[in-house]
Amino acid sequence: MNLLSPEKITKELVKIADWFYLDKSIEKEFKLKNFADALAFIIKIGIEAEKMDHHPDILLHSWNKVKITLSTHTAGGLTENDIKLAQIIDKIGL
């Protein structure tokens, strides 16, 4: 899996709203209606991530907030898989 160049990362971030590049990863925080919705959101992400065999770091905090961090650890940074999963997660979060 090839790392994305800094130029490609900048270009891809325009396509995925509210994701931020930080320390070789991208992250976004989602605010859900309640705790149950936050848990359901996490489960949906988990199902899609498993299908891709690409697993994000997920943090549930403040009872209704979910922070997702994506990076391809084996590649040492961002790859196309991270961008693709971010797009899927955004669709789930609608």
N, C-alpha and C. Protein backbone atom coordinates (compact mmCIF):
# COMPACT_ATOMS: atom_id res chain seq x y z
N MET A 1 0.84 -1.17 0.00
CA MET A 1 0.00 0.00 0.00
C MET A 1 0.89 1.24 0.00
N ASN A 2 0.68 2.13 -0.96
CA ASN A 2 1.53 3.32 -1.12
C ASN A 2 1.01 4.49 -0.28
N LEU A 3 1.93 5.18 0.35
CA LEU A 3 1.59 6.39 1.08
C LEU A 3 1.17 7.49 0.12
N LEU A 4 0.23 8.32 0.56
CA LEU A 4 -0.17 9.48 -0.23
C LEU A 4 0.85 10.59 -0.06
N SER A 5 1.12 11.30 -1.13
CA SER A 5 2.03 12.43 -1.07
C SER A 5 1.33 13.59 -0.34
N PRO A 6 2.09 14.55 0.18
CA PRO A 6 1.46 15.71 0.82
C PRO A 6 0.48 16.43 -0.12
N GLU A 7 0.82 16.51 -1.40
CA GLU A 7 -0.07 17.17 -2.37
C GLU A 7 -1.37 16.38 -2.53
N LYS A 8 -1.25 15.07 -2.58
CA LYS A 8 -2.44 14.21 -2.73
C LYS A 8 -3.31 14.28 -1.47
N ILE A 9 -2.69 14.34 -0.31
CA ILE A 9 -3.45 14.46 0.94
C ILE A 9 -4.27 15.75 0.93
N THR A 10 -3.64 16.85 0.55
CA THR A 10 -4.34 18.14 0.47
C THR A 10 -5.51 18.06 -0.49
N LYS A 11 -5.30 17.45 -1.63
CA LYS A 11 -6.34 17.30 -2.65
C LYS A 11 -7.50 16.44 -2.14
N GLU A 12 -7.18 15.35 -1.45
CA GLU A 12 -8.21 14.43 -0.95
C GLU A 12 -9.00 15.03 0.21
N LEU A 13 -8.36 15.84 1.05
CA LEU A 13 -9.05 16.44 2.19
C LEU A 13 -10.19 17.36 1.75
N VAL A 14 -10.07 17.93 0.58
CA VAL A 14 -11.14 18.77 0.04
C VAL A 14 -12.40 17.95 -0.20
N LYS A 15 -12.23 16.67 -0.50
CA LYS A 15 -13.36 15.79 -0.83
C LYS A 15 -14.05 15.22 0.42
N ILE A 16 -13.40 15.27 1.57
CA ILE A 16 -13.97 14.70 2.80
C ILE A 16 -14.07 15.81 3.85
N ALA A 17 -15.24 16.33 3.98
CA ALA A 17 -15.49 17.50 4.84
C ALA A 17 -15.17 17.22 6.30
N ASP A 18 -14.51 18.19 6.91
CA ASP A 18 -14.25 18.22 8.35
C ASP A 18 -13.27 17.16 8.85
N TRP A 19 -12.57 16.49 7.95
CA TRP A 19 -11.48 15.60 8.36
C TRP A 19 -10.21 16.44 8.40
N PHE A 20 -9.40 16.21 9.43
CA PHE A 20 -8.18 16.97 9.62
C PHE A 20 -6.96 16.07 9.59
N TYR A 21 -5.91 16.53 8.93
CA TYR A 21 -4.66 15.79 8.88
C TYR A 21 -3.86 16.13 10.12
N LEU A 22 -3.41 15.09 10.81
CA LEU A 22 -2.64 15.30 12.04
C LEU A 22 -1.75 14.10 12.28
N ASP A 23 -0.46 14.32 12.33
CA ASP A 23 0.50 13.28 12.70
C ASP A 23 0.33 11.99 11.89
N LYS A 24 0.39 12.10 10.57
CA LYS A 24 0.32 10.96 9.64
C LYS A 24 -1.03 10.25 9.65
N SER A 25 -2.07 10.93 10.09
CA SER A 25 -3.42 10.35 10.11
C SER A 25 -4.44 11.44 9.82
N ILE A 26 -5.67 11.01 9.59
CA ILE A 26 -6.78 11.96 9.48
C ILE A 26 -7.78 11.63 10.58
N GLU A 27 -8.43 12.65 11.08
CA GLU A 27 -9.42 12.40 12.12
C GLU A 27 -10.60 13.36 12.00
N LYS A 28 -11.70 12.86 12.56
CA LYS A 28 -12.94 13.65 12.55
C LYS A 28 -13.75 13.25 13.77
N GLU A 29 -14.43 14.22 14.33
CA GLU A 29 -15.31 13.95 15.46
C GLU A 29 -16.76 14.11 15.01
N PHE A 30 -17.57 13.16 15.40
CA PHE A 30 -19.00 13.17 15.10
C PHE A 30 -19.77 13.34 16.40
N LYS A 31 -20.80 14.16 16.36
CA LYS A 31 -21.67 14.33 17.52
C LYS A 31 -23.03 13.71 17.18
N LEU A 32 -23.40 12.70 17.95
CA LEU A 32 -24.64 12.00 17.72
C LEU A 32 -25.71 12.47 18.69
N LYS A 33 -26.94 12.05 18.44
CA LYS A 33 -28.09 12.51 19.24
C LYS A 33 -28.00 12.04 20.69
N ASN A 34 -27.55 10.80 20.89
CA ASN A 34 -27.49 10.24 22.24
C ASN A 34 -26.49 9.09 22.27
N PHE A 35 -26.35 8.47 23.43
CA PHE A 35 -25.40 7.39 23.62
C PHE A 35 -25.72 6.19 22.73
N ALA A 36 -26.99 5.83 22.64
CA ALA A 36 -27.39 4.69 21.82
C ALA A 36 -27.04 4.92 20.34
N ASP A 37 -27.28 6.12 19.85
CA ASP A 37 -26.93 6.43 18.45
C ASP A 37 -25.42 6.39 18.23
N ALA A 38 -24.67 6.83 19.22
CA ALA A 38 -23.21 6.79 19.11
C ALA A 38 -22.72 5.34 19.04
N LEU A 39 -23.29 4.48 19.87
CA LEU A 39 -22.91 3.06 19.82
C LEU A 39 -23.30 2.43 18.49
N ALA A 40 -24.48 2.73 18.00
CA ALA A 40 -24.93 2.18 16.71
C ALA A 40 -24.01 2.65 15.59
N PHE A 41 -23.61 3.89 15.62
CA PHE A 41 -22.69 4.45 14.64
C PHE A 41 -21.37 3.68 14.64
N ILE A 42 -20.85 3.42 15.83
CA ILE A 42 -19.60 2.67 15.96
C ILE A 42 -19.73 1.27 15.37
N ILE A 43 -20.84 0.61 15.64
CA ILE A 43 -21.06 -0.74 15.10
C ILE A 43 -21.09 -0.71 13.58
N LYS A 44 -21.78 0.26 13.01
CA LYS A 44 -21.85 0.38 11.54
C LYS A 44 -20.46 0.62 10.95
N ILE A 45 -19.68 1.46 11.59
CA ILE A 45 -18.30 1.70 11.13
C ILE A 45 -17.51 0.40 11.20
N GLY A 46 -17.66 -0.31 12.29
CA GLY A 46 -16.94 -1.57 12.47
C GLY A 46 -17.24 -2.58 11.39
N ILE A 47 -18.49 -2.68 11.00
CA ILE A 47 -18.89 -3.62 9.95
C ILE A 47 -18.21 -3.25 8.63
N GLU A 48 -18.26 -1.97 8.27
CA GLU A 48 -17.64 -1.52 7.01
C GLU A 48 -16.12 -1.65 7.06
N ALA A 49 -15.52 -1.33 8.19
CA ALA A 49 -14.07 -1.44 8.34
C ALA A 49 -13.63 -2.90 8.20
N GLU A 50 -14.38 -3.80 8.78
CA GLU A 50 -14.05 -5.22 8.69
C GLU A 50 -14.12 -5.72 7.25
N LYS A 51 -15.11 -5.26 6.51
CA LYS A 51 -15.23 -5.63 5.09
C LYS A 51 -13.97 -5.22 4.32
N MET A 52 -13.40 -4.08 4.70
CA MET A 52 -12.20 -3.57 4.02
C MET A 52 -10.91 -4.11 4.62
N ASP A 53 -11.03 -4.81 5.75
CA ASP A 53 -9.86 -5.24 6.52
C ASP A 53 -8.96 -4.03 6.81
N HIS A 54 -9.61 -2.95 7.22
CA HIS A 54 -8.92 -1.69 7.51
C HIS A 54 -9.60 -1.07 8.73
N HIS A 55 -8.90 -1.04 9.84
CA HIS A 55 -9.54 -0.76 11.12
C HIS A 55 -9.10 0.57 11.72
N PRO A 56 -10.07 1.48 11.91
CA PRO A 56 -9.75 2.80 12.48
C PRO A 56 -9.62 2.74 14.00
N ASP A 57 -9.02 3.77 14.55
CA ASP A 57 -9.07 3.99 15.99
C ASP A 57 -10.37 4.73 16.25
N ILE A 58 -11.14 4.25 17.23
CA ILE A 58 -12.45 4.82 17.54
C ILE A 58 -12.50 5.16 19.02
N LEU A 59 -12.90 6.40 19.31
CA LEU A 59 -13.03 6.85 20.69
C LEU A 59 -14.44 7.38 20.90
N LEU A 60 -15.17 6.78 21.84
CA LEU A 60 -16.49 7.26 22.25
C LEU A 60 -16.28 8.04 23.54
N HIS A 61 -16.71 9.29 23.55
CA HIS A 61 -16.54 10.11 24.75
C HIS A 61 -17.72 11.07 24.91
N SER A 62 -17.85 11.62 26.09
CA SER A 62 -18.90 12.59 26.41
C SER A 62 -20.29 12.08 26.04
N TRP A 63 -20.52 10.83 26.15
CA TRP A 63 -21.77 10.09 25.94
C TRP A 63 -22.34 10.12 24.53
N ASN A 64 -21.97 11.09 23.70
CA ASN A 64 -22.55 11.14 22.35
C ASN A 64 -21.57 11.57 21.26
N LYS A 65 -20.29 11.58 21.58
CA LYS A 65 -19.28 12.01 20.60
C LYS A 65 -18.38 10.83 20.25
N VAL A 66 -18.11 10.72 18.94
CA VAL A 66 -17.25 9.64 18.45
C VAL A 66 -16.14 10.27 17.61
N LYS A 67 -14.91 10.02 18.02
CA LYS A 67 -13.76 10.51 17.26
C LYS A 67 -13.14 9.33 16.51
N ILE A 68 -12.97 9.51 15.21
CA ILE A 68 -12.39 8.49 14.35
C ILE A 68 -11.02 8.96 13.88
N THR A 69 -10.03 8.09 13.99
CA THR A 69 -8.69 8.37 13.49
C THR A 69 -8.32 7.28 12.50
N LEU A 70 -7.91 7.70 11.31
CA LEU A 70 -7.56 6.76 10.25
C LEU A 70 -6.10 6.93 9.84
N SER A 71 -5.41 5.82 9.72
CA SER A 71 -4.05 5.76 9.24
C SER A 71 -3.77 4.30 8.90
N THR A 72 -2.94 4.09 7.91
CA THR A 72 -2.54 2.72 7.58
C THR A 72 -1.23 2.44 8.30
N HIS A 73 -1.35 1.80 9.45
CA HIS A 73 -0.20 1.60 10.32
C HIS A 73 0.92 0.84 9.62
N THR A 74 0.56 -0.16 8.83
CA THR A 74 1.59 -0.97 8.16
C THR A 74 2.36 -0.16 7.12
N ALA A 75 1.74 0.90 6.59
CA ALA A 75 2.40 1.76 5.60
C ALA A 75 3.07 2.96 6.26
N GLY A 76 2.73 3.24 7.50
CA GLY A 76 3.33 4.36 8.21
C GLY A 76 2.71 5.71 7.90
N GLY A 77 1.44 5.71 7.49
CA GLY A 77 0.77 6.98 7.21
C GLY A 77 -0.50 6.77 6.41
N LEU A 78 -0.89 7.79 5.66
CA LEU A 78 -2.15 7.77 4.91
C LEU A 78 -2.01 7.09 3.55
N THR A 79 -3.05 6.30 3.24
CA THR A 79 -3.14 5.64 1.94
C THR A 79 -4.55 5.87 1.38
N GLU A 80 -4.77 5.40 0.18
CA GLU A 80 -6.10 5.48 -0.45
C GLU A 80 -7.16 4.80 0.42
N ASN A 81 -6.80 3.72 1.11
CA ASN A 81 -7.76 3.03 1.97
C ASN A 81 -8.32 3.94 3.05
N ASP A 82 -7.49 4.81 3.58
CA ASP A 82 -7.94 5.73 4.62
C ASP A 82 -8.97 6.71 4.06
N ILE A 83 -8.71 7.21 2.88
CA ILE A 83 -9.64 8.15 2.25
C ILE A 83 -10.95 7.45 1.93
N LYS A 84 -10.86 6.25 1.39
CA LYS A 84 -12.05 5.48 1.04
C LYS A 84 -12.91 5.19 2.28
N LEU A 85 -12.26 4.78 3.37
CA LEU A 85 -13.02 4.51 4.60
C LEU A 85 -13.60 5.79 5.18
N ALA A 86 -12.90 6.90 5.09
CA ALA A 86 -13.44 8.18 5.56
C ALA A 86 -14.72 8.53 4.80
N GLN A 87 -14.72 8.30 3.49
CA GLN A 87 -15.92 8.58 2.68
C GLN A 87 -17.08 7.69 3.11
N ILE A 88 -16.80 6.43 3.38
CA ILE A 88 -17.85 5.50 3.84
C ILE A 88 -18.37 5.94 5.20
N ILE A 89 -17.48 6.30 6.10
CA ILE A 89 -17.90 6.73 7.43
C ILE A 89 -18.76 7.99 7.34
N ASP A 90 -18.41 8.92 6.46
CA ASP A 90 -19.23 10.11 6.30
C ASP A 90 -20.64 9.76 5.85
N LYS A 91 -20.78 8.79 4.99
CA LYS A 91 -22.12 8.37 4.54
C LYS A 91 -22.91 7.74 5.68
N ILE A 92 -22.24 6.96 6.51
CA ILE A 92 -22.90 6.35 7.66
C ILE A 92 -23.37 7.43 8.62
N GLY A 93 -22.55 8.46 8.80
CA GLY A 93 -22.85 9.51 9.77
C GLY A 93 -23.93 10.49 9.36
N LEU A 94 -24.44 10.36 8.15
CA LEU A 94 -25.48 11.31 7.69
C LEU A 94 -26.74 11.21 8.50
